[in-house]
């Protein structure tokens, strides 16, 4: 009798990171399996990483932003499941609630501010200050099931603001970003950005945004080929993600900070990931 076949290996987790511009704080988006994302809070000074909420659905990191002090995250989310729709009807009295913008305290997704989006990719937003947010492409008719206390909320993208991803990167020190009339990153491409010796080339092919990172120093940076994300952190280190691992260059050598591949979601009966606070 043949032994049972081992399950095929899971593809590596996909990682993107938002760095706070005024604190040694970052939020890690770890996606995988495809409809699951987990948030982590990363102290870039000590490299302590705190795991947070699992989210069932899609969290769009390119349409999300971290406050300068790192205390709040503004994110755009989608979940079209019947369970989500039933929960929304009970809680908010609406028949459909599949896309929304939320304000939370990372690494937890529980909303302290919530705006219903009519559909499509028309949500998300950026921080103007620690307690001031711009909600992109949401106007005065937007429904606000949860009004955030202590925040100033401005509706509609300002003409001088670049798309959300680029606005967030610009605040953390990336240069080469220009104002755009569109809220879509794709409409601003191709684009070449710089932060210190790190270069990011963004291009678009068949509706997908492609990223290529280059290092402009005499000593080559290990491991940037195939990186899903790279940046210069608040400590001045080159940090990046590749194949589900978070890495840093220290004294010219690649150091693994965390392997997020083994971290997998455990879906509990009756638990809706968006509604959990922990």
C-alpha atoms as a PDB file:
ATOM      1  CA  UNK A   1       0.000   0.000   0.000  1.00  0.00           C
ATOM      2  CA  UNK A   2       1.379   3.341  -1.046  1.00  0.00           C
ATOM      3  CA  UNK A   3       1.792   6.025   1.603  1.00  0.00           C
ATOM      4  CA  UNK A   4      -0.483   9.053   1.212  1.00  0.00           C
ATOM      5  CA  UNK A   5       0.912  11.825  -0.899  1.00  0.00           C
ATOM      6  CA  UNK A   6       2.204  14.872   0.873  1.00  0.00           C
ATOM      7  CA  UNK A   7       0.291  18.063   0.142  1.00  0.00           C
ATOM      8  CA  UNK A   8       2.031  20.355  -2.352  1.00  0.00           C
ATOM      9  CA  UNK A   9       4.166  23.072  -0.756  1.00  0.00           C
ATOM     10  CA  UNK A  10       2.448  26.398  -0.268  1.00  0.00           C
ATOM     11  CA  UNK A  11       3.718  29.330  -2.355  1.00  0.00           C
ATOM     12  CA  UNK A  12       5.740  31.852  -0.362  1.00  0.00           C
ATOM     13  CA  UNK A  13       3.860  34.614   1.421  1.00  0.00           C
ATOM     14  CA  UNK A  14       3.690  37.982  -0.315  1.00  0.00           C
ATOM     15  CA  UNK A  15       4.921  40.854   1.828  1.00  0.00           C
ATOM     16  CA  UNK A  16       4.555  44.629   1.634  1.00  0.00           C
ATOM     17  CA  UNK A  17       5.480  47.118   4.351  1.00  0.00           C
ATOM     18  CA  UNK A  18       4.416  50.673   5.226  1.00  0.00           C
ATOM     19  CA  UNK A  19       6.988  52.705   7.183  1.00  0.00           C
ATOM     20  CA  UNK A  20       5.989  55.489   9.559  1.00  0.00           C
ATOM     21  CA  UNK A  21       7.721  58.764   8.705  1.00  0.00           C
ATOM     22  CA  UNK A  22       8.065  60.065  12.299  1.00  0.00           C
ATOM     23  CA  UNK A  23       8.546  56.896  14.366  1.00  0.00           C
ATOM     24  CA  UNK A  24      10.522  53.640  14.295  1.00  0.00           C
ATOM     25  CA  UNK A  25       7.338  51.791  13.407  1.00  0.00           C
ATOM     26  CA  UNK A  26       6.160  49.837  10.378  1.00  0.00           C
ATOM     27  CA  UNK A  27       3.135  47.746   9.454  1.00  0.00           C
ATOM     28  CA  UNK A  28       3.678  44.508   7.550  1.00  0.00           C
ATOM     29  CA  UNK A  29       1.018  43.148   5.191  1.00  0.00           C
ATOM     30  CA  UNK A  30       1.460  39.388   4.793  1.00  0.00           C
ATOM     31  CA  UNK A  31      -0.781  37.844   2.138  1.00  0.00           C
ATOM     32  CA  UNK A  32      -1.272  34.139   1.555  1.00  0.00           C
ATOM     33  CA  UNK A  33      -3.275  32.028   0.985  1.00  0.00           C
ATOM     34  CA  UNK A  34      -4.692  34.363  -1.638  1.00  0.00           C
ATOM     35  CA  UNK A  35      -7.749  35.529   0.296  1.00  0.00           C
ATOM     36  CA  UNK A  36      -6.052  35.896   3.665  1.00  0.00           C
ATOM     37  CA  UNK A  37      -3.901  38.768   4.922  1.00  0.00           C
ATOM     38  CA  UNK A  38      -2.292  39.257   8.310  1.00  0.00           C
ATOM     39  CA  UNK A  39      -1.005  42.488   9.788  1.00  0.00           C
ATOM     40  CA  UNK A  40       2.097  42.772  11.964  1.00  0.00           C
ATOM     41  CA  UNK A  41       3.534  45.708  13.872  1.00  0.00           C
ATOM     42  CA  UNK A  42       7.294  46.026  13.416  1.00  0.00           C
ATOM     43  CA  UNK A  43       9.541  48.057  15.705  1.00  0.00           C
ATOM     44  CA  UNK A  44      12.438  48.783  13.341  1.00  0.00           C
ATOM     45  CA  UNK A  45      14.688  49.912  16.207  1.00  0.00           C
ATOM     46  CA  UNK A  46      14.494  46.619  18.126  1.00  0.00           C
ATOM     47  CA  UNK A  47      13.178  44.427  15.269  1.00  0.00           C
ATOM     48  CA  UNK A  48      10.400  43.165  17.525  1.00  0.00           C
ATOM     49  CA  UNK A  49       7.508  42.002  15.345  1.00  0.00           C
ATOM     50  CA  UNK A  50       4.023  41.732  16.877  1.00  0.00           C
ATOM     51  CA  UNK A  51       1.486  39.605  14.964  1.00  0.00           C
ATOM     52  CA  UNK A  52      -2.028  41.000  14.697  1.00  0.00           C
ATOM     53  CA  UNK A  53      -5.327  40.290  12.976  1.00  0.00           C
ATOM     54  CA  UNK A  54      -5.931  37.821  10.203  1.00  0.00           C
ATOM     55  CA  UNK A  55      -8.281  39.281   7.607  1.00  0.00           C
ATOM     56  CA  UNK A  56     -10.371  37.056   5.354  1.00  0.00           C
ATOM     57  CA  UNK A  57     -10.859  38.899   2.085  1.00  0.00           C
ATOM     58  CA  UNK A  58      -8.523  41.380   0.454  1.00  0.00           C
ATOM     59  CA  UNK A  59      -6.597  44.195   2.084  1.00  0.00           C
ATOM     60  CA  UNK A  60      -5.149  46.481  -0.580  1.00  0.00           C
ATOM     61  CA  UNK A  61      -1.811  47.721   0.702  1.00  0.00           C
ATOM     62  CA  UNK A  62      -1.400  50.009  -2.333  1.00  0.00           C
ATOM     63  CA  UNK A  63      -4.558  51.856  -1.229  1.00  0.00           C
ATOM     64  CA  UNK A  64      -3.612  52.008   2.456  1.00  0.00           C
ATOM     65  CA  UNK A  65      -1.527  54.427   4.507  1.00  0.00           C
ATOM     66  CA  UNK A  66       0.182  54.554   7.914  1.00  0.00           C
ATOM     67  CA  UNK A  67       0.009  57.696  10.037  1.00  0.00           C
ATOM     68  CA  UNK A  68       3.333  59.553  10.520  1.00  0.00           C
ATOM     69  CA  UNK A  69       3.447  58.496  14.191  1.00  0.00           C
ATOM     70  CA  UNK A  70       2.650  54.877  13.275  1.00  0.00           C
ATOM     71  CA  UNK A  71      -0.357  54.677  15.589  1.00  0.00           C
ATOM     72  CA  UNK A  72      -3.151  54.393  13.004  1.00  0.00           C
ATOM     73  CA  UNK A  73      -3.620  52.595   9.707  1.00  0.00           C
ATOM     74  CA  UNK A  74      -6.076  53.639   7.009  1.00  0.00           C
ATOM     75  CA  UNK A  75      -6.900  50.661   4.780  1.00  0.00           C
ATOM     76  CA  UNK A  76      -9.118  49.691   1.870  1.00  0.00           C
ATOM     77  CA  UNK A  77     -10.751  46.252   2.034  1.00  0.00           C
ATOM     78  CA  UNK A  78     -13.018  43.922   0.096  1.00  0.00           C
ATOM     79  CA  UNK A  79     -15.035  40.875   1.164  1.00  0.00           C
ATOM     80  CA  UNK A  80     -17.965  39.706  -0.956  1.00  0.00           C
ATOM     81  CA  UNK A  81     -18.824  36.590   1.068  1.00  0.00           C
ATOM     82  CA  UNK A  82     -22.421  35.871   2.059  1.00  0.00           C
ATOM     83  CA  UNK A  83     -21.351  35.758   5.698  1.00  0.00           C
ATOM     84  CA  UNK A  84     -19.991  39.272   5.444  1.00  0.00           C
ATOM     85  CA  UNK A  85     -23.192  40.529   3.815  1.00  0.00           C
ATOM     86  CA  UNK A  86     -25.367  38.929   6.509  1.00  0.00           C
ATOM     87  CA  UNK A  87     -23.231  40.432   9.265  1.00  0.00           C
ATOM     88  CA  UNK A  88     -23.388  43.871   7.631  1.00  0.00           C
ATOM     89  CA  UNK A  89     -27.166  43.706   7.360  1.00  0.00           C
ATOM     90  CA  UNK A  90     -27.495  42.865  11.047  1.00  0.00           C
ATOM     91  CA  UNK A  91     -24.991  45.450  12.240  1.00  0.00           C
ATOM     92  CA  UNK A  92     -25.507  48.336   9.813  1.00  0.00           C
ATOM     93  CA  UNK A  93     -28.928  47.648   8.269  1.00  0.00           C
ATOM     94  CA  UNK A  94     -27.664  47.564   4.673  1.00  0.00           C
ATOM     95  CA  UNK A  95     -28.045  44.838   2.057  1.00  0.00           C
ATOM     96  CA  UNK A  96     -24.551  45.141   0.606  1.00  0.00           C
ATOM     97  CA  UNK A  97     -21.262  46.029   2.279  1.00  0.00           C
ATOM     98  CA  UNK A  98     -18.466  44.421   0.284  1.00  0.00           C
ATOM     99  CA  UNK A  99     -15.925  47.261  -0.071  1.00  0.00           C
ATOM    100  CA  UNK A 100     -14.969  49.763   2.591  1.00  0.00           C
ATOM    101  CA  UNK A 101     -12.307  52.078   3.953  1.00  0.00           C
ATOM    102  CA  UNK A 102     -11.425  51.709   7.630  1.00  0.00           C
ATOM    103  CA  UNK A 103      -9.259  53.367  10.222  1.00  0.00           C
ATOM    104  CA  UNK A 104      -7.658  51.050  12.799  1.00  0.00           C
ATOM    105  CA  UNK A 105      -4.886  50.771  15.362  1.00  0.00           C
ATOM    106  CA  UNK A 106      -2.388  48.282  13.901  1.00  0.00           C
ATOM    107  CA  UNK A 107      -1.750  45.432  14.063  1.00  0.00           C
ATOM    108  CA  UNK A 108      -5.513  44.981  14.651  1.00  0.00           C
ATOM    109  CA  UNK A 109      -8.006  45.527  11.818  1.00  0.00           C
ATOM    110  CA  UNK A 110     -10.934  46.397  14.091  1.00  0.00           C
ATOM    111  CA  UNK A 111     -12.305  49.701  12.783  1.00  0.00           C
ATOM    112  CA  UNK A 112     -12.314  52.876  14.860  1.00  0.00           C
ATOM    113  CA  UNK A 113     -13.504  54.673  11.716  1.00  0.00           C
ATOM    114  CA  UNK A 114     -15.480  53.095   8.878  1.00  0.00           C
ATOM    115  CA  UNK A 115     -16.720  54.330   5.511  1.00  0.00           C
ATOM    116  CA  UNK A 116     -18.821  52.308   3.116  1.00  0.00           C
ATOM    117  CA  UNK A 117     -17.610  52.430  -0.495  1.00  0.00           C
ATOM    118  CA  UNK A 118     -20.037  52.112  -3.392  1.00  0.00           C
ATOM    119  CA  UNK A 119     -17.914  49.529  -5.193  1.00  0.00           C
ATOM    120  CA  UNK A 120     -14.879  49.100  -7.386  1.00  0.00           C
ATOM    121  CA  UNK A 121     -11.475  50.523  -6.530  1.00  0.00           C
ATOM    122  CA  UNK A 122     -12.677  53.895  -5.282  1.00  0.00           C
ATOM    123  CA  UNK A 123     -11.690  53.859  -1.628  1.00  0.00           C
ATOM    124  CA  UNK A 124      -8.663  54.117   0.593  1.00  0.00           C
ATOM    125  CA  UNK A 125      -6.937  57.308   1.577  1.00  0.00           C
ATOM    126  CA  UNK A 126      -3.891  59.025   3.044  1.00  0.00           C
ATOM    127  CA  UNK A 127      -2.906  60.829   6.208  1.00  0.00           C
ATOM    128  CA  UNK A 128      -2.301  64.553   5.903  1.00  0.00           C
ATOM    129  CA  UNK A 129      -1.312  64.704   9.589  1.00  0.00           C
ATOM    130  CA  UNK A 130      -1.479  62.199  12.439  1.00  0.00           C
ATOM    131  CA  UNK A 131      -5.169  62.955  13.025  1.00  0.00           C
ATOM    132  CA  UNK A 132      -6.202  64.232   9.584  1.00  0.00           C
ATOM    133  CA  UNK A 133      -7.120  61.881   6.723  1.00  0.00           C
ATOM    134  CA  UNK A 134      -8.058  62.358   3.086  1.00  0.00           C
ATOM    135  CA  UNK A 135     -10.490  59.741   1.797  1.00  0.00           C
ATOM    136  CA  UNK A 136      -9.873  59.279  -1.913  1.00  0.00           C
ATOM    137  CA  UNK A 137     -12.822  59.382  -4.302  1.00  0.00           C
ATOM    138  CA  UNK A 138     -15.380  59.377  -1.520  1.00  0.00           C
ATOM    139  CA  UNK A 139     -17.681  62.341  -1.478  1.00  0.00           C
ATOM    140  CA  UNK A 140     -20.249  63.908   0.848  1.00  0.00           C
ATOM    141  CA  UNK A 141     -22.756  61.147   0.177  1.00  0.00           C
ATOM    142  CA  UNK A 142     -20.429  58.513   1.638  1.00  0.00           C
ATOM    143  CA  UNK A 143     -21.929  56.473   4.441  1.00  0.00           C
ATOM    144  CA  UNK A 144     -20.017  56.550   7.722  1.00  0.00           C
ATOM    145  CA  UNK A 145     -21.143  53.670   9.955  1.00  0.00           C
ATOM    146  CA  UNK A 146     -18.361  54.476  12.457  1.00  0.00           C
ATOM    147  CA  UNK A 147     -17.242  58.076  12.902  1.00  0.00           C
ATOM    148  CA  UNK A 148     -13.666  58.262  14.237  1.00  0.00           C
ATOM    149  CA  UNK A 149     -13.355  60.436  17.320  1.00  0.00           C
ATOM    150  CA  UNK A 150     -10.620  63.071  17.344  1.00  0.00           C
ATOM    151  CA  UNK A 151      -9.984  62.943  13.586  1.00  0.00           C
ATOM    152  CA  UNK A 152     -10.491  65.490  10.836  1.00  0.00           C
ATOM    153  CA  UNK A 153     -11.829  63.736   7.738  1.00  0.00           C
ATOM    154  CA  UNK A 154     -11.632  65.302   4.292  1.00  0.00           C
ATOM    155  CA  UNK A 155     -13.527  63.767   1.383  1.00  0.00           C
ATOM    156  CA  UNK A 156     -12.264  63.524  -2.172  1.00  0.00           C
ATOM    157  CA  UNK A 157      -8.707  63.402  -3.457  1.00  0.00           C
ATOM    158  CA  UNK A 158      -6.864  66.729  -3.469  1.00  0.00           C
ATOM    159  CA  UNK A 159      -5.617  67.695  -6.934  1.00  0.00           C
ATOM    160  CA  UNK A 160      -2.032  68.076  -5.701  1.00  0.00           C
ATOM    161  CA  UNK A 161      -1.907  64.596  -4.163  1.00  0.00           C
ATOM    162  CA  UNK A 162      -0.366  61.623  -5.969  1.00  0.00           C
ATOM    163  CA  UNK A 163      -2.000  58.168  -5.824  1.00  0.00           C
ATOM    164  CA  UNK A 164      -2.203  56.629  -2.353  1.00  0.00           C
ATOM    165  CA  UNK A 165       0.807  54.328  -2.618  1.00  0.00           C
ATOM    166  CA  UNK A 166       3.019  57.088  -3.986  1.00  0.00           C
ATOM    167  CA  UNK A 167       1.791  59.624  -1.416  1.00  0.00           C
ATOM    168  CA  UNK A 168       2.679  57.204   1.375  1.00  0.00           C
ATOM    169  CA  UNK A 169       6.122  56.548  -0.110  1.00  0.00           C
ATOM    170  CA  UNK A 170       6.760  60.250  -0.645  1.00  0.00           C
ATOM    171  CA  UNK A 171       6.164  60.985   3.041  1.00  0.00           C
ATOM    172  CA  UNK A 172       8.705  58.325   4.040  1.00  0.00           C
ATOM    173  CA  UNK A 173      11.439  59.842   1.869  1.00  0.00           C
ATOM    174  CA  UNK A 174      11.050  58.537  -1.683  1.00  0.00           C
ATOM    175  CA  UNK A 175      11.797  61.126  -4.374  1.00  0.00           C
ATOM    176  CA  UNK A 176      10.703  61.470  -7.990  1.00  0.00           C
ATOM    177  CA  UNK A 177       6.949  61.419  -7.294  1.00  0.00           C
ATOM    178  CA  UNK A 178       4.806  63.906  -9.208  1.00  0.00           C
ATOM    179  CA  UNK A 179       1.234  65.147  -8.598  1.00  0.00           C
ATOM    180  CA  UNK A 180      -1.393  63.165 -10.490  1.00  0.00           C
ATOM    181  CA  UNK A 181      -5.026  63.770 -11.392  1.00  0.00           C
ATOM    182  CA  UNK A 182      -5.666  60.040 -11.028  1.00  0.00           C
ATOM    183  CA  UNK A 183      -5.943  57.957  -7.856  1.00  0.00           C
ATOM    184  CA  UNK A 184      -4.489  54.931  -9.683  1.00  0.00           C
ATOM    185  CA  UNK A 185      -0.789  54.095  -9.498  1.00  0.00           C
ATOM    186  CA  UNK A 186      -1.019  52.502 -12.936  1.00  0.00           C
ATOM    187  CA  UNK A 187      -1.968  55.812 -14.541  1.00  0.00           C
ATOM    188  CA  UNK A 188       1.308  57.343 -13.277  1.00  0.00           C
ATOM    189  CA  UNK A 189       3.576  54.684 -14.807  1.00  0.00           C
ATOM    190  CA  UNK A 190       6.280  54.088 -15.870  1.00  0.00           C
ATOM    191  CA  UNK A 191       8.029  55.770 -12.954  1.00  0.00           C
ATOM    192  CA  UNK A 192      11.489  55.686 -11.397  1.00  0.00           C
ATOM    193  CA  UNK A 193      11.849  56.569  -7.704  1.00  0.00           C
ATOM    194  CA  UNK A 194      14.879  56.985  -5.461  1.00  0.00           C
ATOM    195  CA  UNK A 195      15.571  56.858  -1.733  1.00  0.00           C
ATOM    196  CA  UNK A 196      19.238  57.164  -0.961  1.00  0.00           C
ATOM    197  CA  UNK A 197      21.089  54.510  -2.941  1.00  0.00           C
ATOM    198  CA  UNK A 198      17.898  52.497  -3.530  1.00  0.00           C
ATOM    199  CA  UNK A 199      16.066  52.797  -6.839  1.00  0.00           C
ATOM    200  CA  UNK A 200      12.569  51.513  -7.587  1.00  0.00           C
ATOM    201  CA  UNK A 201      11.339  51.144 -11.149  1.00  0.00           C
ATOM    202  CA  UNK A 202       7.590  50.796 -11.512  1.00  0.00           C
ATOM    203  CA  UNK A 203       6.073  49.649 -14.775  1.00  0.00           C
ATOM    204  CA  UNK A 204       2.721  48.353 -15.951  1.00  0.00           C
ATOM    205  CA  UNK A 205       1.952  45.317 -18.087  1.00  0.00           C
ATOM    206  CA  UNK A 206      -1.529  43.915 -18.676  1.00  0.00           C
ATOM    207  CA  UNK A 207      -3.046  45.808 -15.735  1.00  0.00           C
ATOM    208  CA  UNK A 208      -0.362  44.611 -13.311  1.00  0.00           C
ATOM    209  CA  UNK A 209       2.215  46.841 -11.630  1.00  0.00           C
ATOM    210  CA  UNK A 210       5.742  45.429 -11.774  1.00  0.00           C
ATOM    211  CA  UNK A 211       8.490  46.442  -9.338  1.00  0.00           C
ATOM    212  CA  UNK A 212      12.249  46.284  -9.880  1.00  0.00           C
ATOM    213  CA  UNK A 213      14.689  47.356  -7.174  1.00  0.00           C
ATOM    214  CA  UNK A 214      18.291  48.430  -7.876  1.00  0.00           C
ATOM    215  CA  UNK A 215      21.105  49.347  -5.483  1.00  0.00           C
ATOM    216  CA  UNK A 216      23.548  52.140  -6.413  1.00  0.00           C
ATOM    217  CA  UNK A 217      26.572  51.639  -4.215  1.00  0.00           C
ATOM    218  CA  UNK A 218      29.975  50.067  -4.921  1.00  0.00           C
ATOM    219  CA  UNK A 219      29.100  47.126  -2.699  1.00  0.00           C
ATOM    220  CA  UNK A 220      26.225  45.132  -4.196  1.00  0.00           C
ATOM    221  CA  UNK A 221      23.157  44.627  -2.045  1.00  0.00           C
ATOM    222  CA  UNK A 222      22.411  40.942  -1.577  1.00  0.00           C
ATOM    223  CA  UNK A 223      19.004  39.581  -2.353  1.00  0.00           C
ATOM    224  CA  UNK A 224      17.175  42.441  -4.087  1.00  0.00           C
ATOM    225  CA  UNK A 225      16.413  40.333  -7.135  1.00  0.00           C
ATOM    226  CA  UNK A 226      12.901  38.979  -6.692  1.00  0.00           C
ATOM    227  CA  UNK A 227      12.156  41.275  -3.739  1.00  0.00           C
ATOM    228  CA  UNK A 228       8.451  42.002  -3.271  1.00  0.00           C
ATOM    229  CA  UNK A 229       9.301  45.109  -1.225  1.00  0.00           C
ATOM    230  CA  UNK A 230      12.396  47.106  -0.286  1.00  0.00           C
ATOM    231  CA  UNK A 231      13.087  50.378   1.510  1.00  0.00           C
ATOM    232  CA  UNK A 232      15.540  52.267   3.701  1.00  0.00           C
ATOM    233  CA  UNK A 233      14.134  52.052   7.217  1.00  0.00           C
ATOM    234  CA  UNK A 234      14.177  54.676   9.970  1.00  0.00           C
ATOM    235  CA  UNK A 235      17.557  53.357  11.152  1.00  0.00           C
ATOM    236  CA  UNK A 236      19.105  53.875   7.699  1.00  0.00           C
ATOM    237  CA  UNK A 237      19.251  50.138   6.911  1.00  0.00           C
ATOM    238  CA  UNK A 238      18.385  48.516   3.629  1.00  0.00           C
ATOM    239  CA  UNK A 239      15.436  46.247   4.460  1.00  0.00           C
ATOM    240  CA  UNK A 240      13.446  44.077   2.064  1.00  0.00           C
ATOM    241  CA  UNK A 241      11.136  41.099   1.671  1.00  0.00           C
ATOM    242  CA  UNK A 242      11.786  38.089  -0.528  1.00  0.00           C
ATOM    243  CA  UNK A 243      10.035  34.727  -0.720  1.00  0.00           C
ATOM    244  CA  UNK A 244       7.975  35.376   2.414  1.00  0.00           C
ATOM    245  CA  UNK A 245      10.924  36.471   4.564  1.00  0.00           C
ATOM    246  CA  UNK A 246      11.795  39.871   6.015  1.00  0.00           C
ATOM    247  CA  UNK A 247      15.484  40.683   5.624  1.00  0.00           C
ATOM    248  CA  UNK A 248      17.988  43.435   6.394  1.00  0.00           C
ATOM    249  CA  UNK A 249      21.538  44.242   5.374  1.00  0.00           C
ATOM    250  CA  UNK A 250      23.820  44.661   8.392  1.00  0.00           C
ATOM    251  CA  UNK A 251      27.581  45.241   8.023  1.00  0.00           C
ATOM    252  CA  UNK A 252      27.313  44.177   4.383  1.00  0.00           C
ATOM    253  CA  UNK A 253      25.612  40.870   5.163  1.00  0.00           C
ATOM    254  CA  UNK A 254      22.032  39.725   4.700  1.00  0.00           C
ATOM    255  CA  UNK A 255      20.270  39.023   8.015  1.00  0.00           C
ATOM    256  CA  UNK A 256      16.905  37.291   8.292  1.00  0.00           C
ATOM    257  CA  UNK A 257      14.589  39.198  10.617  1.00  0.00           C
ATOM    258  CA  UNK A 258      11.529  36.965  10.262  1.00  0.00           C
ATOM    259  CA  UNK A 259      10.225  34.078   8.202  1.00  0.00           C
ATOM    260  CA  UNK A 260       6.466  34.640   7.847  1.00  0.00           C
ATOM    261  CA  UNK A 261       5.815  31.580   5.678  1.00  0.00           C
ATOM    262  CA  UNK A 262       4.930  29.178   8.529  1.00  0.00           C
ATOM    263  CA  UNK A 263       2.294  31.606   9.806  1.00  0.00           C
ATOM    264  CA  UNK A 264      -1.005  30.329   8.402  1.00  0.00           C
ATOM    265  CA  UNK A 265      -4.618  31.340   9.124  1.00  0.00           C
ATOM    266  CA  UNK A 266      -6.805  29.254  11.387  1.00  0.00           C
ATOM    267  CA  UNK A 267     -10.408  29.930  10.418  1.00  0.00           C
ATOM    268  CA  UNK A 268     -12.655  29.453  13.416  1.00  0.00           C
ATOM    269  CA  UNK A 269     -16.319  28.559  13.033  1.00  0.00           C
ATOM    270  CA  UNK A 270     -18.548  31.561  13.408  1.00  0.00           C
ATOM    271  CA  UNK A 271     -15.691  34.045  13.516  1.00  0.00           C
ATOM    272  CA  UNK A 272     -15.645  36.862  10.975  1.00  0.00           C
ATOM    273  CA  UNK A 273     -12.085  38.067  10.525  1.00  0.00           C
ATOM    274  CA  UNK A 274     -13.018  41.675   9.900  1.00  0.00           C
ATOM    275  CA  UNK A 275     -14.882  41.964  13.177  1.00  0.00           C
ATOM    276  CA  UNK A 276     -12.199  40.577  15.482  1.00  0.00           C
ATOM    277  CA  UNK A 277     -10.244  42.978  17.636  1.00  0.00           C
ATOM    278  CA  UNK A 278      -7.416  40.518  18.306  1.00  0.00           C
END
